[in-house]
């Protein structure tokens, strides 16, 4: 299944160090907002706000189980956007140095 990702939204979302840290915490596991809050000096509404930005950029996915919402990193988005970004610049640095 092929999915398109907006790399501009991706890089805007990861421009914030707190969101990058959330991504690292969600890499390979699912966490709730409450569990994420334990790792930050911010309240639940702030953590939820950051998760919303990551979710809108398709960097984070969620699933509901009872009253809890579990968040996980969408590794396909991260891989796709980073690979696309690198492809755009591959070989350009060498070409610029020659000219």
Foldseek 3Di string as FASTA:
>chain_A
DDDDFDLVLVCVLVVDVLLVVVQVVQEPHKDFLVRSVVVDPDDSVVSVVSVVSCVVRVQKDWDDDVPTIIIHGPVVRVVVSVVVVCVVCVPVVVVVVVD
